[in-house]
């Protein structure tokens, strides 16, 4: 008789024991039921109160505000990305003056509310109109859009600088040594070897930062920029219909969900060589 014939045939794994219905599961089920009931109730209320006339009248304004929001967020993110690189290098610099200045910049813009920064630029700099006129900058700061763009750029640059600094420092030391062994100059090694690897690490935090900027952009409506929230407030002031805010919420949710899926695909595409 062979060894194979005496071996025990493979058996199916035993079934997993049923989970006990604990008190925490009970409260979780109750909470889920309440949320589902609220969601269904809001959906039915919106459907029953649907007014095609209001939609056709204010729909174009919402799309216009959506375009303003996208333009503001995209412009500030791109300009903030350019500004964040020297700030991140300053944070890692051995030069104490440059390092301290970069630290103070990041500390201020990450430690204070975005709306406070916007008010300081929009209302605060308006107090210095004669001085700004004298140096030829009043034409820029008298426009609410420019003030919002300036504030958002400075704010996101501080966050992006910290994201980039952490990503650069996460690159293994061996990558630096390998580039040096190949005789690559430091500048070439940084932009060709270190920075591309750091950007992969920073990809997900960058996506989170963009999502936060999309949602945070709603505050510019306070300083008379008619973005999506600004158009929503104007439509609500004329109709007193809460569905205006429901439409705005759906548009913000659509932007965030679209960005989340695009970012997930981009991350999977760029990190496919790291998967086993």
C-alpha atoms as a PDB file:
ATOM      1  CA  UNK A   1       0.000   0.000   0.000  1.00  0.00           C
ATOM      2  CA  UNK A   2       1.424   3.371  -1.027  1.00  0.00           C
ATOM      3  CA  UNK A   3       1.788   6.343   1.273  1.00  0.00           C
ATOM      4  CA  UNK A   4      -0.736   8.326  -0.778  1.00  0.00           C
ATOM      5  CA  UNK A   5      -3.420   5.703  -0.121  1.00  0.00           C
ATOM      6  CA  UNK A   6      -2.910   5.828   3.650  1.00  0.00           C
ATOM      7  CA  UNK A   7      -3.080   9.651   3.871  1.00  0.00           C
ATOM      8  CA  UNK A   8      -6.265  11.268   5.130  1.00  0.00           C
ATOM      9  CA  UNK A   9      -8.121  12.949   2.252  1.00  0.00           C
ATOM     10  CA  UNK A  10      -8.415  16.720   2.426  1.00  0.00           C
ATOM     11  CA  UNK A  11     -11.358  17.947   4.434  1.00  0.00           C
ATOM     12  CA  UNK A  12     -13.372  21.142   4.188  1.00  0.00           C
ATOM     13  CA  UNK A  13     -12.604  23.692   6.902  1.00  0.00           C
ATOM     14  CA  UNK A  14     -15.060  23.751   9.789  1.00  0.00           C
ATOM     15  CA  UNK A  15     -17.760  26.419   9.564  1.00  0.00           C
ATOM     16  CA  UNK A  16     -17.069  29.658  11.365  1.00  0.00           C
ATOM     17  CA  UNK A  17     -18.929  29.930  14.666  1.00  0.00           C
ATOM     18  CA  UNK A  18     -21.881  32.330  14.542  1.00  0.00           C
ATOM     19  CA  UNK A  19     -21.235  35.758  15.968  1.00  0.00           C
ATOM     20  CA  UNK A  20     -23.037  36.538  19.179  1.00  0.00           C
ATOM     21  CA  UNK A  21     -25.657  39.264  18.927  1.00  0.00           C
ATOM     22  CA  UNK A  22     -24.151  41.657  21.447  1.00  0.00           C
ATOM     23  CA  UNK A  23     -25.524  44.911  22.798  1.00  0.00           C
ATOM     24  CA  UNK A  24     -23.137  46.931  20.641  1.00  0.00           C
ATOM     25  CA  UNK A  25     -24.403  45.164  17.496  1.00  0.00           C
ATOM     26  CA  UNK A  26     -27.972  45.938  18.573  1.00  0.00           C
ATOM     27  CA  UNK A  27     -27.273  49.662  18.978  1.00  0.00           C
ATOM     28  CA  UNK A  28     -25.350  49.624  15.689  1.00  0.00           C
ATOM     29  CA  UNK A  29     -28.337  48.123  13.902  1.00  0.00           C
ATOM     30  CA  UNK A  30     -30.660  50.704  15.485  1.00  0.00           C
ATOM     31  CA  UNK A  31     -28.373  53.572  14.439  1.00  0.00           C
ATOM     32  CA  UNK A  32     -28.166  52.209  10.896  1.00  0.00           C
ATOM     33  CA  UNK A  33     -31.942  51.953  10.747  1.00  0.00           C
ATOM     34  CA  UNK A  34     -32.341  55.538  11.899  1.00  0.00           C
ATOM     35  CA  UNK A  35     -29.886  56.784   9.262  1.00  0.00           C
ATOM     36  CA  UNK A  36     -31.657  54.801   6.549  1.00  0.00           C
ATOM     37  CA  UNK A  37     -35.032  56.176   7.642  1.00  0.00           C
ATOM     38  CA  UNK A  38     -33.690  59.726   7.611  1.00  0.00           C
ATOM     39  CA  UNK A  39     -32.181  59.209   4.169  1.00  0.00           C
ATOM     40  CA  UNK A  40     -35.421  57.821   2.775  1.00  0.00           C
ATOM     41  CA  UNK A  41     -37.389  60.643   4.394  1.00  0.00           C
ATOM     42  CA  UNK A  42     -35.146  63.332   2.894  1.00  0.00           C
ATOM     43  CA  UNK A  43     -35.300  61.654  -0.510  1.00  0.00           C
ATOM     44  CA  UNK A  44     -39.093  61.488  -0.454  1.00  0.00           C
ATOM     45  CA  UNK A  45     -39.337  65.094   0.714  1.00  0.00           C
ATOM     46  CA  UNK A  46     -37.112  66.274  -2.125  1.00  0.00           C
ATOM     47  CA  UNK A  47     -39.038  64.246  -4.697  1.00  0.00           C
ATOM     48  CA  UNK A  48     -42.428  65.504  -3.458  1.00  0.00           C
ATOM     49  CA  UNK A  49     -41.235  69.119  -3.376  1.00  0.00           C
ATOM     50  CA  UNK A  50     -39.495  69.039  -6.749  1.00  0.00           C
ATOM     51  CA  UNK A  51     -40.117  72.233  -8.706  1.00  0.00           C
ATOM     52  CA  UNK A  52     -38.981  72.067 -12.366  1.00  0.00           C
ATOM     53  CA  UNK A  53     -39.436  75.823 -12.751  1.00  0.00           C
ATOM     54  CA  UNK A  54     -36.907  76.599 -10.020  1.00  0.00           C
ATOM     55  CA  UNK A  55     -34.517  74.040 -11.421  1.00  0.00           C
ATOM     56  CA  UNK A  56     -34.660  75.544 -14.909  1.00  0.00           C
ATOM     57  CA  UNK A  57     -34.330  79.067 -13.517  1.00  0.00           C
ATOM     58  CA  UNK A  58     -31.451  78.544 -11.079  1.00  0.00           C
ATOM     59  CA  UNK A  59     -29.760  75.517 -12.633  1.00  0.00           C
ATOM     60  CA  UNK A  60     -27.512  77.609 -14.935  1.00  0.00           C
ATOM     61  CA  UNK A  61     -26.463  79.746 -11.946  1.00  0.00           C
ATOM     62  CA  UNK A  62     -25.466  76.615 -10.051  1.00  0.00           C
ATOM     63  CA  UNK A  63     -23.374  75.435 -12.982  1.00  0.00           C
ATOM     64  CA  UNK A  64     -21.744  78.853 -13.199  1.00  0.00           C
ATOM     65  CA  UNK A  65     -20.916  78.725  -9.497  1.00  0.00           C
ATOM     66  CA  UNK A  66     -19.574  75.202  -9.937  1.00  0.00           C
ATOM     67  CA  UNK A  67     -17.195  76.494 -12.598  1.00  0.00           C
ATOM     68  CA  UNK A  68     -15.983  79.253 -10.269  1.00  0.00           C
ATOM     69  CA  UNK A  69     -15.386  76.705  -7.493  1.00  0.00           C
ATOM     70  CA  UNK A  70     -13.416  74.397  -9.774  1.00  0.00           C
ATOM     71  CA  UNK A  71     -11.352  77.270 -11.178  1.00  0.00           C
ATOM     72  CA  UNK A  72     -10.525  78.515  -7.675  1.00  0.00           C
ATOM     73  CA  UNK A  73      -9.568  75.091  -6.320  1.00  0.00           C
ATOM     74  CA  UNK A  74      -7.541  73.995  -9.355  1.00  0.00           C
ATOM     75  CA  UNK A  75      -5.657  77.296  -9.595  1.00  0.00           C
ATOM     76  CA  UNK A  76      -4.834  77.425  -5.897  1.00  0.00           C
ATOM     77  CA  UNK A  77      -3.762  73.761  -5.800  1.00  0.00           C
ATOM     78  CA  UNK A  78      -1.402  74.187  -8.765  1.00  0.00           C
ATOM     79  CA  UNK A  79       0.144  77.417  -7.530  1.00  0.00           C
ATOM     80  CA  UNK A  80       0.346  75.998  -4.016  1.00  0.00           C
ATOM     81  CA  UNK A  81       2.199  72.960  -5.373  1.00  0.00           C
ATOM     82  CA  UNK A  82       4.812  75.225  -6.951  1.00  0.00           C
ATOM     83  CA  UNK A  83       5.196  77.226  -3.744  1.00  0.00           C
ATOM     84  CA  UNK A  84       5.286  74.134  -1.527  1.00  0.00           C
ATOM     85  CA  UNK A  85       8.537  72.796  -3.002  1.00  0.00           C
ATOM     86  CA  UNK A  86      10.845  75.590  -1.763  1.00  0.00           C
ATOM     87  CA  UNK A  87       8.956  75.637   1.550  1.00  0.00           C
ATOM     88  CA  UNK A  88       9.481  71.879   1.989  1.00  0.00           C
ATOM     89  CA  UNK A  89      13.159  72.238   1.105  1.00  0.00           C
ATOM     90  CA  UNK A  90      13.387  75.074   3.613  1.00  0.00           C
ATOM     91  CA  UNK A  91      11.873  72.867   6.321  1.00  0.00           C
ATOM     92  CA  UNK A  92      14.600  70.282   5.633  1.00  0.00           C
ATOM     93  CA  UNK A  93      17.388  72.805   5.211  1.00  0.00           C
ATOM     94  CA  UNK A  94      20.350  72.971   7.586  1.00  0.00           C
ATOM     95  CA  UNK A  95      20.300  76.745   7.208  1.00  0.00           C
ATOM     96  CA  UNK A  96      18.652  77.885  10.446  1.00  0.00           C
ATOM     97  CA  UNK A  97      17.241  81.119   9.006  1.00  0.00           C
ATOM     98  CA  UNK A  98      15.608  79.439   6.001  1.00  0.00           C
ATOM     99  CA  UNK A  99      14.407  76.541   8.157  1.00  0.00           C
ATOM    100  CA  UNK A 100      12.929  78.878  10.771  1.00  0.00           C
ATOM    101  CA  UNK A 101      11.140  81.017   8.167  1.00  0.00           C
ATOM    102  CA  UNK A 102       9.653  77.938   6.523  1.00  0.00           C
ATOM    103  CA  UNK A 103       8.601  76.566   9.906  1.00  0.00           C
ATOM    104  CA  UNK A 104       6.927  79.863  10.883  1.00  0.00           C
ATOM    105  CA  UNK A 105       5.058  80.001   7.574  1.00  0.00           C
ATOM    106  CA  UNK A 106       3.776  76.426   7.887  1.00  0.00           C
ATOM    107  CA  UNK A 107       2.984  76.870  11.588  1.00  0.00           C
ATOM    108  CA  UNK A 108       0.837  79.951  10.961  1.00  0.00           C
ATOM    109  CA  UNK A 109      -1.158  78.703   7.989  1.00  0.00           C
ATOM    110  CA  UNK A 110      -1.745  75.246   9.453  1.00  0.00           C
ATOM    111  CA  UNK A 111      -2.528  76.560  12.926  1.00  0.00           C
ATOM    112  CA  UNK A 112      -5.142  79.194  12.063  1.00  0.00           C
ATOM    113  CA  UNK A 113      -8.588  78.733  10.473  1.00  0.00           C
ATOM    114  CA  UNK A 114      -8.828  79.279   6.742  1.00  0.00           C
ATOM    115  CA  UNK A 115     -11.694  81.731   7.183  1.00  0.00           C
ATOM    116  CA  UNK A 116      -9.517  83.856   9.498  1.00  0.00           C
ATOM    117  CA  UNK A 117      -6.784  83.969   6.881  1.00  0.00           C
ATOM    118  CA  UNK A 118      -9.328  84.972   4.229  1.00  0.00           C
ATOM    119  CA  UNK A 119     -10.659  87.798   6.391  1.00  0.00           C
ATOM    120  CA  UNK A 120      -7.131  89.016   7.147  1.00  0.00           C
ATOM    121  CA  UNK A 121      -6.399  89.274   3.438  1.00  0.00           C
ATOM    122  CA  UNK A 122      -9.788  90.580   2.258  1.00  0.00           C
ATOM    123  CA  UNK A 123     -10.587  92.995   5.088  1.00  0.00           C
ATOM    124  CA  UNK A 124      -7.156  93.489   6.645  1.00  0.00           C
ATOM    125  CA  UNK A 125      -5.245  94.476   3.532  1.00  0.00           C
ATOM    126  CA  UNK A 126      -8.088  96.811   2.584  1.00  0.00           C
ATOM    127  CA  UNK A 127      -6.995  98.978   5.512  1.00  0.00           C
ATOM    128  CA  UNK A 128      -3.687  99.563   3.736  1.00  0.00           C
ATOM    129  CA  UNK A 129      -5.110 100.822   0.448  1.00  0.00           C
ATOM    130  CA  UNK A 130      -2.846 103.916   0.222  1.00  0.00           C
ATOM    131  CA  UNK A 131       0.269 101.803   0.726  1.00  0.00           C
ATOM    132  CA  UNK A 132      -0.896  99.159  -1.734  1.00  0.00           C
ATOM    133  CA  UNK A 133      -1.785 101.885  -4.231  1.00  0.00           C
ATOM    134  CA  UNK A 134       1.683 103.331  -3.871  1.00  0.00           C
ATOM    135  CA  UNK A 135       3.373 100.043  -4.814  1.00  0.00           C
ATOM    136  CA  UNK A 136       0.807  99.202  -7.505  1.00  0.00           C
ATOM    137  CA  UNK A 137      -0.848  96.191  -5.824  1.00  0.00           C
ATOM    138  CA  UNK A 138      -4.287  97.583  -4.983  1.00  0.00           C
ATOM    139  CA  UNK A 139      -5.694  96.472  -8.331  1.00  0.00           C
ATOM    140  CA  UNK A 140      -5.067  92.900  -7.204  1.00  0.00           C
ATOM    141  CA  UNK A 141      -6.282  92.997  -3.607  1.00  0.00           C
ATOM    142  CA  UNK A 142      -9.416  95.021  -4.286  1.00  0.00           C
ATOM    143  CA  UNK A 143     -10.937  92.038  -6.084  1.00  0.00           C
ATOM    144  CA  UNK A 144     -12.529  89.382  -3.858  1.00  0.00           C
ATOM    145  CA  UNK A 145     -11.611  86.600  -6.285  1.00  0.00           C
ATOM    146  CA  UNK A 146      -7.931  87.540  -6.163  1.00  0.00           C
ATOM    147  CA  UNK A 147      -7.994  87.692  -2.358  1.00  0.00           C
ATOM    148  CA  UNK A 148      -9.574  84.242  -2.187  1.00  0.00           C
ATOM    149  CA  UNK A 149      -7.071  82.810  -4.665  1.00  0.00           C
ATOM    150  CA  UNK A 150      -4.146  84.380  -2.802  1.00  0.00           C
ATOM    151  CA  UNK A 151      -5.340  83.047   0.569  1.00  0.00           C
ATOM    152  CA  UNK A 152      -6.113  79.561  -0.693  1.00  0.00           C
ATOM    153  CA  UNK A 153      -2.742  79.326  -2.417  1.00  0.00           C
ATOM    154  CA  UNK A 154      -0.839  80.263   0.723  1.00  0.00           C
ATOM    155  CA  UNK A 155      -2.927  77.907   2.849  1.00  0.00           C
ATOM    156  CA  UNK A 156      -2.654  74.834   0.645  1.00  0.00           C
ATOM    157  CA  UNK A 157       1.056  75.481   0.039  1.00  0.00           C
ATOM    158  CA  UNK A 158       1.676  75.077   3.777  1.00  0.00           C
ATOM    159  CA  UNK A 159      -0.159  71.748   3.885  1.00  0.00           C
ATOM    160  CA  UNK A 160       1.406  70.509   0.666  1.00  0.00           C
ATOM    161  CA  UNK A 161       4.858  71.450   1.952  1.00  0.00           C
ATOM    162  CA  UNK A 162       4.427  69.206   4.979  1.00  0.00           C
ATOM    163  CA  UNK A 163       3.062  66.391   2.805  1.00  0.00           C
ATOM    164  CA  UNK A 164       6.017  66.722   0.451  1.00  0.00           C
ATOM    165  CA  UNK A 165       8.547  66.958   3.279  1.00  0.00           C
ATOM    166  CA  UNK A 166       7.256  63.770   4.873  1.00  0.00           C
ATOM    167  CA  UNK A 167       7.223  61.977   1.528  1.00  0.00           C
ATOM    168  CA  UNK A 168      10.802  63.017   0.679  1.00  0.00           C
ATOM    169  CA  UNK A 169      12.063  61.934   4.086  1.00  0.00           C
ATOM    170  CA  UNK A 170      10.327  58.558   3.682  1.00  0.00           C
ATOM    171  CA  UNK A 171      12.455  57.674   0.646  1.00  0.00           C
ATOM    172  CA  UNK A 172      15.065  55.116   1.809  1.00  0.00           C
ATOM    173  CA  UNK A 173      18.590  56.365   2.321  1.00  0.00           C
ATOM    174  CA  UNK A 174      19.813  53.726  -0.112  1.00  0.00           C
ATOM    175  CA  UNK A 175      18.192  55.615  -2.990  1.00  0.00           C
ATOM    176  CA  UNK A 176      20.360  58.640  -2.218  1.00  0.00           C
ATOM    177  CA  UNK A 177      23.442  56.467  -1.956  1.00  0.00           C
ATOM    178  CA  UNK A 178      22.634  54.636  -5.198  1.00  0.00           C
ATOM    179  CA  UNK A 179      22.243  57.916  -7.082  1.00  0.00           C
ATOM    180  CA  UNK A 180      25.549  59.137  -5.660  1.00  0.00           C
ATOM    181  CA  UNK A 181      27.242  55.857  -6.644  1.00  0.00           C
ATOM    182  CA  UNK A 182      26.110  56.430 -10.232  1.00  0.00           C
ATOM    183  CA  UNK A 183      27.765  59.832 -10.185  1.00  0.00           C
ATOM    184  CA  UNK A 184      24.512  61.803 -10.470  1.00  0.00           C
ATOM    185  CA  UNK A 185      24.663  65.424  -9.290  1.00  0.00           C
ATOM    186  CA  UNK A 186      22.491  66.183  -6.259  1.00  0.00           C
ATOM    187  CA  UNK A 187      20.014  68.270  -8.264  1.00  0.00           C
ATOM    188  CA  UNK A 188      19.576  65.578 -10.922  1.00  0.00           C
ATOM    189  CA  UNK A 189      19.287  62.854  -8.279  1.00  0.00           C
ATOM    190  CA  UNK A 190      16.636  64.820  -6.433  1.00  0.00           C
ATOM    191  CA  UNK A 191      14.403  65.510  -9.440  1.00  0.00           C
ATOM    192  CA  UNK A 192      14.978  62.198 -11.247  1.00  0.00           C
ATOM    193  CA  UNK A 193      15.269  59.686  -8.396  1.00  0.00           C
ATOM    194  CA  UNK A 194      14.043  61.016  -5.055  1.00  0.00           C
ATOM    195  CA  UNK A 195      11.130  63.274  -5.990  1.00  0.00           C
ATOM    196  CA  UNK A 196       9.295  60.738  -8.242  1.00  0.00           C
ATOM    197  CA  UNK A 197       9.355  58.169  -5.439  1.00  0.00           C
ATOM    198  CA  UNK A 198       8.235  60.773  -2.924  1.00  0.00           C
ATOM    199  CA  UNK A 199       5.298  61.778  -5.119  1.00  0.00           C
ATOM    200  CA  UNK A 200       3.970  58.208  -5.054  1.00  0.00           C
ATOM    201  CA  UNK A 201       4.035  58.275  -1.252  1.00  0.00           C
ATOM    202  CA  UNK A 202       2.379  61.711  -1.211  1.00  0.00           C
ATOM    203  CA  UNK A 203      -0.326  60.821  -3.714  1.00  0.00           C
ATOM    204  CA  UNK A 204      -3.033  59.844  -1.226  1.00  0.00           C
ATOM    205  CA  UNK A 205      -2.416  62.804   1.147  1.00  0.00           C
ATOM    206  CA  UNK A 206      -2.532  65.112  -1.886  1.00  0.00           C
ATOM    207  CA  UNK A 207      -5.947  63.696  -2.772  1.00  0.00           C
ATOM    208  CA  UNK A 208      -7.166  64.364   0.757  1.00  0.00           C
ATOM    209  CA  UNK A 209      -5.859  67.921   0.571  1.00  0.00           C
ATOM    210  CA  UNK A 210      -7.707  68.581  -2.690  1.00  0.00           C
ATOM    211  CA  UNK A 211     -10.943  67.228  -1.181  1.00  0.00           C
ATOM    212  CA  UNK A 212     -10.512  69.507   1.836  1.00  0.00           C
ATOM    213  CA  UNK A 213      -9.931  72.462  -0.481  1.00  0.00           C
ATOM    214  CA  UNK A 214     -13.103  71.678  -2.444  1.00  0.00           C
ATOM    215  CA  UNK A 215     -15.183  71.652   0.727  1.00  0.00           C
ATOM    216  CA  UNK A 216     -13.349  74.593   2.266  1.00  0.00           C
ATOM    217  CA  UNK A 217     -13.864  76.721  -0.839  1.00  0.00           C
ATOM    218  CA  UNK A 218     -17.467  77.323   0.260  1.00  0.00           C
ATOM    219  CA  UNK A 219     -16.303  80.074   2.633  1.00  0.00           C
ATOM    220  CA  UNK A 220     -15.455  82.420  -0.252  1.00  0.00           C
ATOM    221  CA  UNK A 221     -19.176  83.086  -0.598  1.00  0.00           C
ATOM    222  CA  UNK A 222     -18.851  85.240   2.537  1.00  0.00           C
ATOM    223  CA  UNK A 223     -16.562  87.697   0.716  1.00  0.00           C
ATOM    224  CA  UNK A 224     -18.889  88.095  -2.292  1.00  0.00           C
ATOM    225  CA  UNK A 225     -17.334  85.478  -4.570  1.00  0.00           C
ATOM    226  CA  UNK A 226     -20.234  83.766  -6.323  1.00  0.00           C
ATOM    227  CA  UNK A 227     -18.950  80.238  -6.326  1.00  0.00           C
ATOM    228  CA  UNK A 228     -21.269  77.255  -5.896  1.00  0.00           C
ATOM    229  CA  UNK A 229     -22.147  78.184  -2.314  1.00  0.00           C
ATOM    230  CA  UNK A 230     -22.495  81.850  -3.257  1.00  0.00           C
ATOM    231  CA  UNK A 231     -25.008  81.030  -5.984  1.00  0.00           C
ATOM    232  CA  UNK A 232     -26.783  78.713  -3.563  1.00  0.00           C
ATOM    233  CA  UNK A 233     -27.158  81.459  -0.992  1.00  0.00           C
ATOM    234  CA  UNK A 234     -28.436  83.862  -3.630  1.00  0.00           C
ATOM    235  CA  UNK A 235     -30.996  81.339  -4.906  1.00  0.00           C
ATOM    236  CA  UNK A 236     -32.142  80.562  -1.359  1.00  0.00           C
ATOM    237  CA  UNK A 237     -32.544  84.274  -0.540  1.00  0.00           C
ATOM    238  CA  UNK A 238     -34.992  84.547  -3.454  1.00  0.00           C
ATOM    239  CA  UNK A 239     -36.915  81.303  -2.994  1.00  0.00           C
ATOM    240  CA  UNK A 240     -36.494  80.329   0.683  1.00  0.00           C
ATOM    241  CA  UNK A 241     -36.475  76.744  -0.552  1.00  0.00           C
ATOM    242  CA  UNK A 242     -34.119  74.478   1.407  1.00  0.00           C
ATOM    243  CA  UNK A 243     -33.717  72.267  -1.677  1.00  0.00           C
ATOM    244  CA  UNK A 244     -31.257  74.801  -3.013  1.00  0.00           C
ATOM    245  CA  UNK A 245     -28.821  73.597  -0.362  1.00  0.00           C
ATOM    246  CA  UNK A 246     -29.667  69.987  -1.186  1.00  0.00           C
ATOM    247  CA  UNK A 247     -28.677  70.605  -4.811  1.00  0.00           C
ATOM    248  CA  UNK A 248     -25.439  72.240  -3.672  1.00  0.00           C
ATOM    249  CA  UNK A 249     -24.681  69.324  -1.353  1.00  0.00           C
ATOM    250  CA  UNK A 250     -25.219  66.867  -4.198  1.00  0.00           C
ATOM    251  CA  UNK A 251     -22.871  68.825  -6.454  1.00  0.00           C
ATOM    252  CA  UNK A 252     -20.154  68.942  -3.774  1.00  0.00           C
ATOM    253  CA  UNK A 253     -20.658  65.229  -3.138  1.00  0.00           C
ATOM    254  CA  UNK A 254     -20.369  64.507  -6.870  1.00  0.00           C
ATOM    255  CA  UNK A 255     -17.103  66.434  -7.113  1.00  0.00           C
ATOM    256  CA  UNK A 256     -15.604  64.638  -4.130  1.00  0.00           C
ATOM    257  CA  UNK A 257     -16.748  61.198  -5.299  1.00  0.00           C
ATOM    258  CA  UNK A 258     -15.435  61.771  -8.821  1.00  0.00           C
ATOM    259  CA  UNK A 259     -12.076  62.930  -7.472  1.00  0.00           C
ATOM    260  CA  UNK A 260     -11.910  59.968  -5.080  1.00  0.00           C
ATOM    261  CA  UNK A 261     -12.422  57.472  -7.908  1.00  0.00           C
ATOM    262  CA  UNK A 262      -9.997  59.220 -10.258  1.00  0.00           C
ATOM    263  CA  UNK A 263      -7.388  59.402  -7.499  1.00  0.00           C
ATOM    264  CA  UNK A 264      -7.883  55.725  -6.668  1.00  0.00           C
ATOM    265  CA  UNK A 265      -7.372  54.764 -10.318  1.00  0.00           C
ATOM    266  CA  UNK A 266      -4.301  57.004 -10.571  1.00  0.00           C
ATOM    267  CA  UNK A 267      -2.782  55.532  -7.426  1.00  0.00           C
ATOM    268  CA  UNK A 268      -3.404  51.980  -8.623  1.00  0.00           C
ATOM    269  CA  UNK A 269      -1.872  52.855 -11.997  1.00  0.00           C
ATOM    270  CA  UNK A 270       1.272  54.449 -10.585  1.00  0.00           C
ATOM    271  CA  UNK A 271       1.874  51.775  -7.939  1.00  0.00           C
ATOM    272  CA  UNK A 272       1.154  48.714 -10.069  1.00  0.00           C
ATOM    273  CA  UNK A 273       4.869  47.801 -10.068  1.00  0.00           C
ATOM    274  CA  UNK A 274       4.832  47.592  -6.264  1.00  0.00           C
ATOM    275  CA  UNK A 275       2.084  44.973  -6.081  1.00  0.00           C
ATOM    276  CA  UNK A 276       2.972  41.322  -5.731  1.00  0.00           C
END
